[in-house]
Amino acid sequence: MTFLLLAVMGLVAGGLSGAFGIGGGVLIVPALVYGLGYSQKLATGTSLAVLLPPIGIAAVFEYYRSGSVDLKAAAIIALTMVFGSWISARWAVKASSETLKLAFGVFLVLLGTYMMIEVLKKPGGAA
């Protein structure tokens, strides 16, 4: 059963990652925490391990073929992400699971609220 749940997580996260650029933090982490009972730290570490090799090899190739990848911007972001992820990981491993869950939830609510406001304030809204 665990294998099946993990496989479904991978399929869903992979599909949504290819379509929207999301996966690990938004899908895999909550699924591991609430679906399989992982701690927040174990879920985050597992998600990061999942994302290292495959995160978008096929998806990036397709986007690149269609001319939809800015390689210079991607390189700059990737290089600076190394530093940002290192700093945040140093904080996260020292924080409690409850603090991490709260911070993650606040981030998702703020991001979701911002995205909805941006859509709704355009003429025609979400129609």
N, C-alpha and C. Protein backbone atom coordinates (compact mmCIF):
# COMPACT_ATOMS: atom_id res chain seq x y z
N MET A 1 0.82 -1.20 0.00
CA MET A 1 0.00 0.00 0.00
C MET A 1 0.86 1.26 0.00
N THR A 2 1.93 1.25 0.82
CA THR A 2 2.82 2.41 0.85
C THR A 2 3.44 2.64 -0.52
N PHE A 3 3.87 1.56 -1.18
CA PHE A 3 4.46 1.71 -2.51
C PHE A 3 3.47 2.36 -3.46
N LEU A 4 2.23 1.92 -3.43
CA LEU A 4 1.20 2.49 -4.30
C LEU A 4 0.99 3.97 -4.02
N LEU A 5 0.91 4.34 -2.75
CA LEU A 5 0.74 5.76 -2.39
C LEU A 5 1.92 6.58 -2.87
N LEU A 6 3.11 6.07 -2.69
CA LEU A 6 4.31 6.79 -3.14
C LEU A 6 4.32 6.92 -4.66
N ALA A 7 3.92 5.87 -5.36
CA ALA A 7 3.88 5.91 -6.82
C ALA A 7 2.85 6.93 -7.31
N VAL A 8 1.69 6.97 -6.67
CA VAL A 8 0.66 7.95 -7.04
C VAL A 8 1.16 9.36 -6.78
N MET A 9 1.83 9.57 -5.63
CA MET A 9 2.41 10.89 -5.34
C MET A 9 3.37 11.30 -6.45
N GLY A 10 4.20 10.37 -6.86
CA GLY A 10 5.17 10.67 -7.92
C GLY A 10 4.50 11.02 -9.23
N LEU A 11 3.47 10.27 -9.60
CA LEU A 11 2.76 10.54 -10.85
C LEU A 11 2.06 11.90 -10.82
N VAL A 12 1.38 12.18 -9.72
CA VAL A 12 0.66 13.45 -9.61
C VAL A 12 1.65 14.62 -9.55
N ALA A 13 2.67 14.49 -8.72
CA ALA A 13 3.66 15.56 -8.61
C ALA A 13 4.39 15.78 -9.93
N GLY A 14 4.72 14.71 -10.61
CA GLY A 14 5.38 14.83 -11.91
C GLY A 14 4.49 15.51 -12.94
N GLY A 15 3.22 15.12 -12.97
CA GLY A 15 2.29 15.74 -13.91
C GLY A 15 2.10 17.22 -13.63
N LEU A 16 1.90 17.56 -12.37
CA LEU A 16 1.69 18.97 -12.03
C LEU A 16 2.97 19.77 -12.13
N SER A 17 4.10 19.14 -11.89
CA SER A 17 5.38 19.82 -12.04
C SER A 17 5.62 20.19 -13.49
N GLY A 18 5.32 19.26 -14.39
CA GLY A 18 5.49 19.54 -15.81
C GLY A 18 4.54 20.61 -16.31
N ALA A 19 3.35 20.66 -15.75
CA ALA A 19 2.35 21.63 -16.20
C ALA A 19 2.50 22.99 -15.54
N PHE A 20 2.80 22.99 -14.24
CA PHE A 20 2.79 24.25 -13.49
C PHE A 20 4.11 24.59 -12.81
N GLY A 21 5.09 23.70 -12.86
CA GLY A 21 6.35 23.96 -12.19
C GLY A 21 6.30 23.73 -10.69
N ILE A 22 5.31 22.93 -10.23
CA ILE A 22 5.20 22.65 -8.80
C ILE A 22 5.35 21.16 -8.57
N GLY A 23 5.56 20.77 -7.37
CA GLY A 23 5.67 19.34 -7.09
C GLY A 23 6.07 19.06 -5.67
N GLY A 24 7.35 19.25 -5.38
CA GLY A 24 7.87 18.88 -4.08
C GLY A 24 7.20 19.53 -2.90
N GLY A 25 7.36 20.82 -2.77
CA GLY A 25 6.84 21.50 -1.60
C GLY A 25 5.34 21.53 -1.52
N VAL A 26 4.69 21.70 -2.64
CA VAL A 26 3.24 21.86 -2.64
C VAL A 26 2.51 20.53 -2.59
N LEU A 27 3.06 19.50 -3.16
CA LEU A 27 2.36 18.22 -3.24
C LEU A 27 3.00 17.10 -2.44
N ILE A 28 4.27 16.86 -2.65
CA ILE A 28 4.91 15.71 -2.03
C ILE A 28 5.01 15.88 -0.52
N VAL A 29 5.43 17.05 -0.06
CA VAL A 29 5.58 17.25 1.38
C VAL A 29 4.26 17.05 2.12
N PRO A 30 3.17 17.73 1.73
CA PRO A 30 1.91 17.47 2.45
C PRO A 30 1.43 16.02 2.33
N ALA A 31 1.64 15.41 1.19
CA ALA A 31 1.21 14.02 1.01
C ALA A 31 1.98 13.09 1.95
N LEU A 32 3.27 13.32 2.11
CA LEU A 32 4.06 12.49 3.01
C LEU A 32 3.68 12.74 4.47
N VAL A 33 3.43 14.00 4.82
CA VAL A 33 3.08 14.34 6.20
C VAL A 33 1.70 13.79 6.55
N TYR A 34 0.70 14.10 5.72
CA TYR A 34 -0.66 13.75 6.07
C TYR A 34 -1.10 12.39 5.54
N GLY A 35 -0.46 11.92 4.48
CA GLY A 35 -0.83 10.62 3.92
C GLY A 35 -0.07 9.46 4.53
N LEU A 36 1.19 9.69 4.86
CA LEU A 36 2.01 8.59 5.38
C LEU A 36 2.55 8.85 6.78
N GLY A 37 2.20 9.99 7.37
CA GLY A 37 2.60 10.26 8.75
C GLY A 37 4.05 10.65 8.94
N TYR A 38 4.73 11.09 7.90
CA TYR A 38 6.10 11.54 8.05
C TYR A 38 6.14 12.82 8.90
N SER A 39 7.26 13.06 9.57
CA SER A 39 7.45 14.35 10.23
C SER A 39 7.70 15.39 9.13
N GLN A 40 7.52 16.66 9.47
CA GLN A 40 7.74 17.72 8.49
C GLN A 40 9.17 17.68 7.97
N LYS A 41 10.12 17.47 8.85
CA LYS A 41 11.53 17.44 8.43
C LYS A 41 11.82 16.24 7.53
N LEU A 42 11.30 15.07 7.89
CA LEU A 42 11.52 13.89 7.07
C LEU A 42 10.87 14.06 5.70
N ALA A 43 9.69 14.65 5.66
CA ALA A 43 9.00 14.87 4.39
C ALA A 43 9.77 15.86 3.52
N THR A 44 10.26 16.93 4.12
CA THR A 44 11.02 17.93 3.36
C THR A 44 12.31 17.33 2.81
N GLY A 45 13.04 16.63 3.65
CA GLY A 45 14.28 16.00 3.19
C GLY A 45 14.05 14.97 2.11
N THR A 46 13.00 14.18 2.26
CA THR A 46 12.67 13.17 1.25
C THR A 46 12.29 13.84 -0.06
N SER A 47 11.48 14.90 0.02
CA SER A 47 11.07 15.62 -1.18
C SER A 47 12.28 16.20 -1.91
N LEU A 48 13.20 16.77 -1.16
CA LEU A 48 14.41 17.33 -1.78
C LEU A 48 15.24 16.24 -2.46
N ALA A 49 15.32 15.07 -1.83
CA ALA A 49 16.06 13.96 -2.43
C ALA A 49 15.40 13.50 -3.73
N VAL A 50 14.06 13.52 -3.75
CA VAL A 50 13.31 13.13 -4.94
C VAL A 50 13.60 14.10 -6.09
N LEU A 51 13.67 15.37 -5.77
CA LEU A 51 13.76 16.40 -6.80
C LEU A 51 15.15 16.52 -7.43
N LEU A 52 16.18 16.06 -6.75
CA LEU A 52 17.53 16.25 -7.29
C LEU A 52 17.70 15.74 -8.72
N PRO A 53 17.54 14.46 -8.98
CA PRO A 53 17.83 14.01 -10.34
C PRO A 53 16.74 14.27 -11.38
N PRO A 54 15.48 14.00 -11.07
CA PRO A 54 14.52 13.99 -12.18
C PRO A 54 13.71 15.27 -12.38
N ILE A 55 13.85 16.26 -11.52
CA ILE A 55 12.90 17.35 -11.54
C ILE A 55 12.90 18.07 -12.88
N GLY A 56 12.24 17.54 -13.75
CA GLY A 56 12.00 18.22 -14.99
C GLY A 56 12.92 17.88 -16.14
N ILE A 57 13.70 16.81 -16.05
CA ILE A 57 14.57 16.50 -17.19
C ILE A 57 13.73 16.40 -18.46
N ALA A 58 12.68 15.62 -18.42
CA ALA A 58 11.82 15.49 -19.60
C ALA A 58 11.03 16.76 -19.86
N ALA A 59 10.51 17.37 -18.80
CA ALA A 59 9.71 18.59 -18.98
C ALA A 59 10.57 19.74 -19.50
N VAL A 60 11.77 19.91 -18.95
CA VAL A 60 12.66 20.98 -19.41
C VAL A 60 13.02 20.76 -20.87
N PHE A 61 13.27 19.52 -21.25
CA PHE A 61 13.60 19.23 -22.64
C PHE A 61 12.48 19.69 -23.57
N GLU A 62 11.25 19.38 -23.21
CA GLU A 62 10.11 19.77 -24.05
C GLU A 62 9.94 21.29 -24.11
N TYR A 63 10.06 21.94 -22.95
CA TYR A 63 9.95 23.40 -22.93
C TYR A 63 11.09 24.03 -23.73
N TYR A 64 12.30 23.47 -23.62
CA TYR A 64 13.45 23.98 -24.36
C TYR A 64 13.24 23.84 -25.87
N ARG A 65 12.72 22.67 -26.28
CA ARG A 65 12.45 22.44 -27.71
C ARG A 65 11.46 23.45 -28.28
N SER A 66 10.55 23.91 -27.43
CA SER A 66 9.56 24.87 -27.92
C SER A 66 10.03 26.32 -27.76
N GLY A 67 11.27 26.51 -27.30
CA GLY A 67 11.80 27.85 -27.13
C GLY A 67 11.33 28.54 -25.86
N SER A 68 10.87 27.76 -24.89
CA SER A 68 10.30 28.33 -23.67
C SER A 68 11.20 28.17 -22.46
N VAL A 69 12.51 28.23 -22.64
CA VAL A 69 13.44 28.18 -21.53
C VAL A 69 14.48 29.27 -21.71
N ASP A 70 14.66 30.09 -20.69
CA ASP A 70 15.71 31.10 -20.68
C ASP A 70 16.88 30.49 -19.92
N LEU A 71 17.85 29.93 -20.64
CA LEU A 71 18.96 29.22 -20.01
C LEU A 71 19.80 30.11 -19.11
N LYS A 72 20.00 31.37 -19.50
CA LYS A 72 20.80 32.29 -18.67
C LYS A 72 20.09 32.53 -17.34
N ALA A 73 18.79 32.83 -17.40
CA ALA A 73 18.03 33.04 -16.16
C ALA A 73 18.01 31.78 -15.32
N ALA A 74 17.83 30.62 -15.95
CA ALA A 74 17.80 29.35 -15.22
C ALA A 74 19.13 29.10 -14.51
N ALA A 75 20.24 29.39 -15.17
CA ALA A 75 21.56 29.18 -14.57
C ALA A 75 21.76 30.09 -13.36
N ILE A 76 21.37 31.35 -13.50
CA ILE A 76 21.51 32.30 -12.39
C ILE A 76 20.66 31.86 -11.20
N ILE A 77 19.42 31.50 -11.47
CA ILE A 77 18.52 31.06 -10.39
C ILE A 77 19.06 29.79 -9.74
N ALA A 78 19.50 28.83 -10.55
CA ALA A 78 20.00 27.56 -10.01
C ALA A 78 21.22 27.78 -9.12
N LEU A 79 22.14 28.62 -9.56
CA LEU A 79 23.34 28.87 -8.77
C LEU A 79 23.01 29.57 -7.46
N THR A 80 22.11 30.54 -7.49
CA THR A 80 21.77 31.24 -6.26
C THR A 80 20.86 30.41 -5.36
N MET A 81 20.12 29.46 -5.96
CA MET A 81 19.31 28.56 -5.14
C MET A 81 20.17 27.69 -4.24
N VAL A 82 21.37 27.37 -4.68
CA VAL A 82 22.27 26.56 -3.85
C VAL A 82 22.49 27.27 -2.52
N PHE A 83 22.80 28.55 -2.57
CA PHE A 83 23.04 29.31 -1.34
C PHE A 83 21.75 29.47 -0.53
N GLY A 84 20.66 29.84 -1.20
CA GLY A 84 19.39 30.03 -0.51
C GLY A 84 18.90 28.76 0.16
N SER A 85 19.02 27.63 -0.53
CA SER A 85 18.54 26.38 0.04
C SER A 85 19.43 25.93 1.20
N TRP A 86 20.70 26.22 1.13
CA TRP A 86 21.61 25.88 2.22
C TRP A 86 21.26 26.67 3.48
N ILE A 87 21.05 27.99 3.32
CA ILE A 87 20.70 28.85 4.46
C ILE A 87 19.37 28.41 5.07
N SER A 88 18.37 28.20 4.22
CA SER A 88 17.05 27.83 4.75
C SER A 88 17.07 26.43 5.38
N ALA A 89 17.85 25.51 4.82
CA ALA A 89 17.95 24.17 5.40
C ALA A 89 18.61 24.23 6.77
N ARG A 90 19.60 25.09 6.94
CA ARG A 90 20.24 25.25 8.26
C ARG A 90 19.21 25.71 9.30
N TRP A 91 18.31 26.63 8.89
CA TRP A 91 17.26 27.09 9.80
C TRP A 91 16.25 25.97 10.04
N ALA A 92 15.82 25.31 8.97
CA ALA A 92 14.74 24.33 9.06
C ALA A 92 15.09 23.14 9.93
N VAL A 93 16.32 22.65 9.86
CA VAL A 93 16.66 21.48 10.66
C VAL A 93 16.72 21.80 12.15
N LYS A 94 16.85 23.07 12.49
CA LYS A 94 16.86 23.48 13.89
C LYS A 94 15.46 23.83 14.39
N ALA A 95 14.55 24.14 13.49
CA ALA A 95 13.18 24.54 13.86
C ALA A 95 12.35 23.30 14.21
N SER A 96 11.29 23.52 14.98
CA SER A 96 10.39 22.41 15.30
C SER A 96 9.51 22.09 14.10
N SER A 97 8.97 20.87 14.08
CA SER A 97 8.05 20.49 13.00
C SER A 97 6.83 21.41 12.98
N GLU A 98 6.35 21.81 14.15
CA GLU A 98 5.18 22.69 14.23
C GLU A 98 5.48 24.05 13.61
N THR A 99 6.67 24.58 13.88
CA THR A 99 7.07 25.87 13.29
C THR A 99 7.15 25.75 11.77
N LEU A 100 7.70 24.65 11.29
CA LEU A 100 7.81 24.45 9.84
C LEU A 100 6.44 24.33 9.19
N LYS A 101 5.53 23.58 9.82
CA LYS A 101 4.18 23.45 9.28
C LYS A 101 3.49 24.80 9.22
N LEU A 102 3.62 25.58 10.29
CA LEU A 102 2.99 26.90 10.33
C LEU A 102 3.56 27.81 9.25
N ALA A 103 4.87 27.85 9.14
CA ALA A 103 5.51 28.70 8.13
C ALA A 103 5.11 28.28 6.72
N PHE A 104 5.07 26.98 6.48
CA PHE A 104 4.68 26.46 5.16
C PHE A 104 3.23 26.82 4.85
N GLY A 105 2.35 26.64 5.82
CA GLY A 105 0.94 26.98 5.63
C GLY A 105 0.74 28.46 5.35
N VAL A 106 1.43 29.32 6.10
CA VAL A 106 1.33 30.77 5.88
C VAL A 106 1.82 31.11 4.48
N PHE A 107 2.93 30.52 4.07
CA PHE A 107 3.45 30.76 2.72
C PHE A 107 2.42 30.39 1.65
N LEU A 108 1.82 29.21 1.78
CA LEU A 108 0.85 28.76 0.78
C LEU A 108 -0.39 29.66 0.75
N VAL A 109 -0.87 30.07 1.93
CA VAL A 109 -2.05 30.94 1.99
C VAL A 109 -1.74 32.29 1.35
N LEU A 110 -0.59 32.87 1.67
CA LEU A 110 -0.22 34.16 1.10
C LEU A 110 -0.05 34.07 -0.42
N LEU A 111 0.62 33.04 -0.87
CA LEU A 111 0.83 32.85 -2.31
C LEU A 111 -0.50 32.64 -3.03
N GLY A 112 -1.35 31.78 -2.49
CA GLY A 112 -2.65 31.53 -3.09
C GLY A 112 -3.52 32.77 -3.12
N THR A 113 -3.52 33.52 -2.04
CA THR A 113 -4.31 34.76 -1.97
C THR A 113 -3.82 35.75 -3.02
N TYR A 114 -2.52 35.93 -3.12
CA TYR A 114 -1.95 36.84 -4.11
C TYR A 114 -2.35 36.44 -5.53
N MET A 115 -2.24 35.15 -5.82
CA MET A 115 -2.57 34.68 -7.17
C MET A 115 -4.05 34.90 -7.49
N MET A 116 -4.93 34.63 -6.53
CA MET A 116 -6.36 34.84 -6.77
C MET A 116 -6.68 36.31 -6.96
N ILE A 117 -6.08 37.18 -6.17
CA ILE A 117 -6.32 38.62 -6.31
C ILE A 117 -5.86 39.11 -7.68
N GLU A 118 -4.70 38.64 -8.12
CA GLU A 118 -4.18 39.05 -9.43
C GLU A 118 -5.13 38.66 -10.56
N VAL A 119 -5.72 37.48 -10.49
CA VAL A 119 -6.65 37.03 -11.52
C VAL A 119 -7.94 37.83 -11.45
N LEU A 120 -8.46 38.01 -10.26
CA LEU A 120 -9.77 38.65 -10.10
C LEU A 120 -9.75 40.15 -10.38
N LYS A 121 -8.62 40.80 -10.26
CA LYS A 121 -8.59 42.24 -10.50
C LYS A 121 -8.43 42.59 -11.99
N LYS A 122 -8.20 41.59 -12.83
CA LYS A 122 -8.12 41.81 -14.27
C LYS A 122 -9.53 41.90 -14.83
N PRO A 123 -9.72 42.67 -15.90
CA PRO A 123 -11.04 42.73 -16.53
C PRO A 123 -11.51 41.33 -16.94
N GLY A 124 -12.71 41.00 -16.58
CA GLY A 124 -13.25 39.68 -16.89
C GLY A 124 -13.01 38.67 -15.78
N GLY A 125 -12.10 38.99 -14.83
CA GLY A 125 -11.85 38.11 -13.69
C GLY A 125 -11.48 36.70 -14.10
N ALA A 126 -12.03 35.73 -13.43
CA ALA A 126 -11.69 34.34 -13.67
C ALA A 126 -12.63 33.68 -14.67
N ALA A 127 -13.35 34.49 -15.41
CA ALA A 127 -14.35 33.94 -16.35
C ALA A 127 -13.73 33.20 -17.50
